[in-house]
C-alpha atoms as a PDB file:
ATOM      1  CA  UNK A   1      97.359  88.303  77.298  1.00  0.00           C
ATOM      2  CA  UNK A   2      99.248  91.100  75.498  1.00  0.00           C
ATOM      3  CA  UNK A   3     102.916  91.517  76.314  1.00  0.00           C
ATOM      4  CA  UNK A   4     103.762  94.639  78.308  1.00  0.00           C
ATOM      5  CA  UNK A   5     106.790  96.469  76.990  1.00  0.00           C
ATOM      6  CA  UNK A   6     109.632  97.880  79.047  1.00  0.00           C
ATOM      7  CA  UNK A   7     108.485 101.396  78.110  1.00  0.00           C
ATOM      8  CA  UNK A   8     104.982 100.616  79.415  1.00  0.00           C
ATOM      9  CA  UNK A   9     106.481  99.299  82.658  1.00  0.00           C
ATOM     10  CA  UNK A  10     108.492 102.492  83.083  1.00  0.00           C
ATOM     11  CA  UNK A  11     105.413 104.630  82.408  1.00  0.00           C
ATOM     12  CA  UNK A  12     103.381 102.672  84.995  1.00  0.00           C
ATOM     13  CA  UNK A  13     106.058 103.122  87.634  1.00  0.00           C
ATOM     14  CA  UNK A  14     106.185 106.873  87.028  1.00  0.00           C
ATOM     15  CA  UNK A  15     102.370 107.065  87.088  1.00  0.00           C
ATOM     16  CA  UNK A  16     102.318 105.318  90.461  1.00  0.00           C
ATOM     17  CA  UNK A  17     105.014 107.575  91.899  1.00  0.00           C
ATOM     18  CA  UNK A  18     103.211 110.669  90.611  1.00  0.00           C
ATOM     19  CA  UNK A  19      99.881 109.584  92.112  1.00  0.00           C
ATOM     20  CA  UNK A  20     101.393 108.791  95.494  1.00  0.00           C
ATOM     21  CA  UNK A  21     104.195 111.295  96.021  1.00  0.00           C
ATOM     22  CA  UNK A  22     103.045 114.292  93.959  1.00  0.00           C
ATOM     23  CA  UNK A  23      99.263 114.171  93.748  1.00  0.00           C
ATOM     24  CA  UNK A  24      98.823 112.426  97.133  1.00  0.00           C
ATOM     25  CA  UNK A  25      95.937 110.451  95.635  1.00  0.00           C
ATOM     26  CA  UNK A  26      96.149 107.472  97.992  1.00  0.00           C
ATOM     27  CA  UNK A  27      93.059 105.705  96.686  1.00  0.00           C
ATOM     28  CA  UNK A  28      94.280 105.750  93.064  1.00  0.00           C
ATOM     29  CA  UNK A  29      97.843 104.866  94.151  1.00  0.00           C
ATOM     30  CA  UNK A  30      96.619 101.617  95.745  1.00  0.00           C
ATOM     31  CA  UNK A  31      96.491 100.009  92.294  1.00  0.00           C
ATOM     32  CA  UNK A  32     100.302 100.391  92.054  1.00  0.00           C
ATOM     33  CA  UNK A  33     101.204  99.016  95.519  1.00  0.00           C
ATOM     34  CA  UNK A  34     100.045  95.558  96.562  1.00  0.00           C
ATOM     35  CA  UNK A  35      98.384  95.147  99.965  1.00  0.00           C
ATOM     36  CA  UNK A  36     101.256  92.669 100.533  1.00  0.00           C
ATOM     37  CA  UNK A  37     103.914  95.268  99.605  1.00  0.00           C
ATOM     38  CA  UNK A  38     107.206  94.618 101.388  1.00  0.00           C
ATOM     39  CA  UNK A  39     109.029  97.713 102.602  1.00  0.00           C
ATOM     40  CA  UNK A  40     112.754  97.070 103.031  1.00  0.00           C
ATOM     41  CA  UNK A  41     113.673 100.325 104.766  1.00  0.00           C
ATOM     42  CA  UNK A  42     114.149 100.117 108.528  1.00  0.00           C
ATOM     43  CA  UNK A  43     112.978 103.746 108.681  1.00  0.00           C
ATOM     44  CA  UNK A  44     109.532 103.113 107.193  1.00  0.00           C
ATOM     45  CA  UNK A  45     106.882 100.938 108.850  1.00  0.00           C
ATOM     46  CA  UNK A  46     106.070  97.730 106.948  1.00  0.00           C
ATOM     47  CA  UNK A  47     103.531  97.319 104.186  1.00  0.00           C
ATOM     48  CA  UNK A  48     101.673  99.608 101.841  1.00  0.00           C
ATOM     49  CA  UNK A  49     100.064 101.476 104.728  1.00  0.00           C
ATOM     50  CA  UNK A  50     103.470 102.179 106.252  1.00  0.00           C
ATOM     51  CA  UNK A  51     104.610 103.797 103.014  1.00  0.00           C
ATOM     52  CA  UNK A  52     101.361 105.710 102.522  1.00  0.00           C
ATOM     53  CA  UNK A  53     101.432 106.990 106.119  1.00  0.00           C
ATOM     54  CA  UNK A  54     105.014 108.163 105.621  1.00  0.00           C
ATOM     55  CA  UNK A  55     103.938 110.161 102.559  1.00  0.00           C
ATOM     56  CA  UNK A  56     100.939 111.589 104.450  1.00  0.00           C
ATOM     57  CA  UNK A  57     103.395 112.973 107.005  1.00  0.00           C
ATOM     58  CA  UNK A  58     105.582 114.738 104.429  1.00  0.00           C
ATOM     59  CA  UNK A  59     105.163 118.469 103.781  1.00  0.00           C
ATOM     60  CA  UNK A  60     102.550 118.924 101.016  1.00  0.00           C
ATOM     61  CA  UNK A  61     104.960 120.902  98.830  1.00  0.00           C
ATOM     62  CA  UNK A  62     107.492 118.031  98.758  1.00  0.00           C
ATOM     63  CA  UNK A  63     107.455 116.277  95.371  1.00  0.00           C
ATOM     64  CA  UNK A  64     109.157 113.324  93.692  1.00  0.00           C
ATOM     65  CA  UNK A  65     111.372 114.271  90.758  1.00  0.00           C
ATOM     66  CA  UNK A  66     112.577 111.398  88.589  1.00  0.00           C
ATOM     67  CA  UNK A  67     116.182 111.475  87.463  1.00  0.00           C
ATOM     68  CA  UNK A  68     116.686 108.161  85.698  1.00  0.00           C
ATOM     69  CA  UNK A  69     114.613 105.090  85.011  1.00  0.00           C
ATOM     70  CA  UNK A  70     115.756 101.772  83.558  1.00  0.00           C
ATOM     71  CA  UNK A  71     113.862  98.636  82.630  1.00  0.00           C
ATOM     72  CA  UNK A  72     114.872  95.128  81.691  1.00  0.00           C
ATOM     73  CA  UNK A  73     112.297  92.418  81.113  1.00  0.00           C
ATOM     74  CA  UNK A  74     109.754  92.803  83.963  1.00  0.00           C
ATOM     75  CA  UNK A  75     112.100  94.780  86.221  1.00  0.00           C
ATOM     76  CA  UNK A  76     112.034  98.563  86.531  1.00  0.00           C
ATOM     77  CA  UNK A  77     114.326 100.718  88.639  1.00  0.00           C
ATOM     78  CA  UNK A  78     113.949 104.437  89.259  1.00  0.00           C
ATOM     79  CA  UNK A  79     116.414 106.855  90.757  1.00  0.00           C
ATOM     80  CA  UNK A  80     115.095 110.241  91.752  1.00  0.00           C
ATOM     81  CA  UNK A  81     114.890 112.763  94.514  1.00  0.00           C
ATOM     82  CA  UNK A  82     112.361 114.494  96.671  1.00  0.00           C
ATOM     83  CA  UNK A  83     112.300 118.256  96.361  1.00  0.00           C
ATOM     84  CA  UNK A  84     110.434 121.121  97.863  1.00  0.00           C
ATOM     85  CA  UNK A  85     110.335 124.668  96.571  1.00  0.00           C
ATOM     86  CA  UNK A  86     112.118 127.361  98.495  1.00  0.00           C
ATOM     87  CA  UNK A  87     111.334 131.036  98.777  1.00  0.00           C
ATOM     88  CA  UNK A  88     113.888 133.776  98.785  1.00  0.00           C
ATOM     89  CA  UNK A  89     113.414 136.294 101.562  1.00  0.00           C
ATOM     90  CA  UNK A  90     116.011 139.008 101.900  1.00  0.00           C
ATOM     91  CA  UNK A  91     119.470 137.477 101.621  1.00  0.00           C
ATOM     92  CA  UNK A  92     118.603 134.001 102.837  1.00  0.00           C
ATOM     93  CA  UNK A  93     116.770 130.995 101.429  1.00  0.00           C
ATOM     94  CA  UNK A  94     113.956 129.456 103.481  1.00  0.00           C
END
């Protein structure tokens, strides 16, 4: 089996995040989240379906924007934010 590099691991993580959070392609995103996925946030229901259902409930214009990604051996960590565009109307932002 060929060795996967740290750069390939980072690219796979970003592909998975893009499919789920930006493209909302839940079927394709399943390949990146195990059916046995463990969700550690008390604010998100457990498992892959809990995460996917959370994303389904987000406004469609909300997107994941990666800020930093690091990899060491088989571990990858991403730090980013979720953004949504705003429109300027008059003197206020909405």
